[in-house]
Structures are given as structure tokens and as C-alpha cells.
Protein backbone atom coordinates (compact mmCIF):
# COMPACT_ATOMS: atom_id res chain seq x y z
CA UNK A 1 239.00 50.42 35.21
CA UNK A 2 242.23 49.45 36.94
CA UNK A 3 242.99 53.15 37.38
CA UNK A 4 239.72 53.64 39.27
CA UNK A 5 240.57 50.73 41.58
CA UNK A 6 244.01 52.25 42.19
CA UNK A 7 242.41 55.59 43.00
CA UNK A 8 240.09 53.93 45.51
CA UNK A 9 243.09 52.39 47.30
CA UNK A 10 245.58 55.24 47.17
CA UNK A 11 246.39 57.11 50.40
CA UNK A 12 243.62 59.61 50.97
CA UNK A 13 241.46 57.84 48.39
CA UNK A 14 237.84 56.77 48.60
CA UNK A 15 238.55 53.68 50.68
CA UNK A 16 240.50 55.67 53.27
CA UNK A 17 237.59 58.10 53.51
CA UNK A 18 235.11 55.27 53.89
CA UNK A 19 237.23 53.63 56.59
CA UNK A 20 237.53 56.95 58.43
CA UNK A 21 233.72 57.34 58.36
CA UNK A 22 233.37 53.83 59.79
CA UNK A 23 236.01 54.48 62.47
CA UNK A 24 234.18 57.66 63.47
CA UNK A 25 230.92 55.73 63.78
CA UNK A 26 229.25 57.52 60.88
CA UNK A 27 228.68 54.25 58.99
CA UNK A 28 228.69 50.67 60.16
CA UNK A 29 229.52 48.76 56.99
CA UNK A 30 231.52 49.43 53.83
CA UNK A 31 230.45 48.27 50.42
CA UNK A 32 230.65 48.81 46.71
CA UNK A 33 228.44 48.38 43.68
CA UNK A 34 229.40 46.69 40.45
CA UNK A 35 227.44 46.58 37.23
CA UNK A 36 229.05 43.46 35.90
CA UNK A 37 231.51 40.72 36.50
CA UNK A 38 234.94 42.11 35.94
CA UNK A 39 238.47 42.01 37.25
CA UNK A 40 238.06 45.31 39.08
CA UNK A 41 235.27 43.94 41.29
CA UNK A 42 237.43 40.91 42.06
CA UNK A 43 240.31 43.21 42.97
CA UNK A 44 238.10 45.10 45.38
CA UNK A 45 236.93 41.85 46.97
CA UNK A 46 240.51 40.69 47.47
CA UNK A 47 241.28 43.70 49.66
CA UNK A 48 239.00 42.33 52.39
CA UNK A 49 238.15 45.97 53.14
CA UNK A 50 234.44 45.65 52.38
CA UNK A 51 231.48 44.15 54.20
CA UNK A 52 228.92 44.12 51.42
CA UNK A 53 228.66 44.07 47.62
CA UNK A 54 225.75 45.23 45.49
CA UNK A 55 225.49 43.64 42.06
CA UNK A 56 223.08 43.01 39.25
CA UNK A 57 221.46 39.59 39.56
CA UNK A 58 218.13 38.40 38.20
CA UNK A 59 216.59 35.90 35.82
CA UNK A 60 218.31 37.56 32.85
CA UNK A 61 221.64 38.44 34.50
CA UNK A 62 222.70 35.24 36.23
CA UNK A 63 226.42 35.54 35.46
CA UNK A 64 227.52 36.40 39.04
CA UNK A 65 226.24 32.98 40.21
CA UNK A 66 227.18 29.70 38.56
CA UNK A 67 226.12 26.98 41.01
CA UNK A 68 227.20 24.15 38.69
CA UNK A 69 230.84 25.22 39.10
CA UNK A 70 230.41 27.17 42.35
CA UNK A 71 231.95 30.10 40.55
CA UNK A 72 231.18 33.75 40.06
CA UNK A 73 231.36 36.99 41.95
CA UNK A 74 228.62 35.94 44.38
CA UNK A 75 230.57 32.86 45.46
CA UNK A 76 233.75 34.95 45.76
CA UNK A 77 231.95 37.50 47.93
CA UNK A 78 230.32 34.82 50.10
CA UNK A 79 233.69 33.10 50.58
CA UNK A 80 235.01 36.39 52.00
CA UNK A 81 232.00 36.81 54.26
CA UNK A 82 230.41 39.75 52.42
CA UNK A 83 226.71 40.43 52.43
CA UNK A 84 225.25 40.28 48.93
CA UNK A 85 222.67 42.81 47.77
CA UNK A 86 221.04 42.33 44.39
CA UNK A 87 219.93 45.23 42.25
CA UNK A 88 217.59 45.06 39.29
CA UNK A 89 216.09 42.00 40.96
CA UNK A 90 212.95 42.30 38.83
CA UNK A 91 214.97 42.92 35.62
CA UNK A 92 214.00 46.62 35.61
CA UNK A 93 211.00 45.61 33.50
CA UNK A 94 213.10 44.25 30.64
CA UNK A 95 211.93 40.65 30.92
CA UNK A 96 208.32 41.77 31.32
CA UNK A 97 208.52 43.89 28.13
CA UNK A 98 209.99 40.94 26.20
CA UNK A 99 207.19 38.65 27.32
CA UNK A 100 204.51 41.25 26.49
CA UNK A 101 205.84 41.34 22.92
CA UNK A 102 205.79 37.54 22.67
CA UNK A 103 202.57 36.90 24.56
CA UNK A 104 200.46 39.97 25.35
CA UNK A 105 198.18 38.01 27.70
CA UNK A 106 200.79 36.33 29.86
CA UNK A 107 200.15 38.63 32.84
CA UNK A 108 196.67 37.18 33.23
CA UNK A 109 198.16 33.69 33.69
CA UNK A 110 201.44 34.30 35.53
CA UNK A 111 202.37 36.47 38.49
CA UNK A 112 205.72 37.30 36.93
CA UNK A 113 206.55 39.89 39.57
CA UNK A 114 206.32 37.20 42.23
CA UNK A 115 208.20 34.65 40.13
CA UNK A 116 211.09 37.03 39.39
CA UNK A 117 211.50 38.08 43.01
CA UNK A 118 211.22 34.50 44.20
CA UNK A 119 213.95 33.49 41.76
CA UNK A 120 216.35 35.97 43.36
CA UNK A 121 215.30 35.19 46.93
CA UNK A 122 215.74 31.46 46.30
CA UNK A 123 219.47 31.98 45.90
CA UNK A 124 220.99 31.06 49.26
CA UNK A 125 223.81 33.59 48.82
CA UNK A 126 221.49 36.60 48.50
CA UNK A 127 221.28 38.71 51.66
CA UNK A 128 218.96 41.44 50.33
CA UNK A 129 217.05 41.86 47.07
CA UNK A 130 216.44 45.46 46.07
CA UNK A 131 213.21 46.09 44.19
CA UNK A 132 211.70 49.25 42.82
CA UNK A 133 208.32 50.53 43.91
CA UNK A 134 206.44 53.36 42.24
CA UNK A 135 202.96 52.68 43.58
CA UNK A 136 201.39 51.28 46.75
CA UNK A 137 200.24 48.28 44.68
CA UNK A 138 203.86 47.51 43.72
CA UNK A 139 204.90 47.78 47.37
CA UNK A 140 202.15 45.36 48.36
CA UNK A 141 203.15 42.97 45.54
CA UNK A 142 206.78 43.02 46.75
CA UNK A 143 205.75 42.17 50.30
CA UNK A 144 203.44 39.39 49.14
CA UNK A 145 206.12 37.93 46.87
CA UNK A 146 208.75 37.99 49.59
CA UNK A 147 206.45 36.09 51.97
CA UNK A 148 205.16 33.51 49.48
CA UNK A 149 206.95 30.19 49.11
CA UNK A 150 205.01 29.12 46.01
CA UNK A 151 207.85 29.70 43.55
CA UNK A 152 210.76 29.62 45.96
CA UNK A 153 213.27 26.82 45.73
CA UNK A 154 214.21 25.36 49.08
CA UNK A 155 217.82 26.41 49.90
CA UNK A 156 218.44 22.92 51.32
CA UNK A 157 217.45 21.41 47.97
CA UNK A 158 219.77 23.81 46.16
CA UNK A 159 222.60 22.99 48.55
CA UNK A 160 222.03 19.26 48.18
CA UNK A 161 221.78 19.53 44.40
CA UNK A 162 224.85 21.71 43.83
CA UNK A 163 227.12 21.44 46.85
CA UNK A 164 226.73 17.94 48.25
CA UNK A 165 226.90 16.39 44.79
CA UNK A 166 229.89 18.50 43.80
CA UNK A 167 228.15 20.18 40.86
């Protein structure tokens, strides 16, 4: 809410505490997390007080990134030089559950884990993609997906397609 943003900025508020921790060498970078695209996140960006933003971005939640108009919170953050961390990069299992209901055998034909992570990593504005890991097999799958270019779109192709052509 706007009140929460005001509280962050007030003298002695959260931002002042974060800046003090940085000045004392306790932390190196300042950041914030947002669940959605809203005016409050934009207000925080406009302060130029932060180094990084963490936001929800994946195949289902693409709203922070609209390359056709070069609009959205990710573009705003990149324009201000912030690092961009994605959370729920693998849709927190939501997309996988939907597909299992529609096609129970899809996992035998598609490495969806790899495809979902590659989708996020293909975005040239993404600095870090957070992924959950509950088992060693999931950790190994994350590493393999991050190293595999099979599904990844070339950032130069994306740039040419959306930036050079003014889309």
C-alpha cells in the first residue's frame, strides 16, 4: 500500500535502517521483493535507493516484461540499473499440475523443468533465477537446465527482434 511505502521512506524507517547496514558494511546491496506489478513497486524504483529487485516472473506470470512495448517493471528496473531476480521461476509447480490434468503423460515427452527455467533465463534482463530444490535430483536438474542451450532463445535474437525493430 502507499502507507507501507511511506513507512519505508520515513526517517528511521526500513530504508534508513537498510542504508545504515550498507554504510556499516553489513550488507553490500539493497533490494526489495514485489509480488506483482503495482504502483508501490514503481514508487520504490523511483527512489533510486535500491540495487536489486526480486519479482515473480515465469511462463505464467509474464506481466513484468512486455518486450513488444518495452514496458513493465523489469524494463523500469533495468533502466535504473537494478539487478533483477526472478522468484517462482518454475511456476511453483502450478503449470506442471495444469498440464498433468490435461495430459497425464506429458512428462515422458517433455522436460518441462528445463523448458520453464530456460524460458526465464532466456530473458536478457534477468540477472538471477531463483528455483526451489527439495531433492538432489531437483538440484541436478536445475544445474543441467541452466547449462543447456536447447530451449534457450539467443539474447541477440531477442534484442534484434524487439529492440532493433522497435517492437
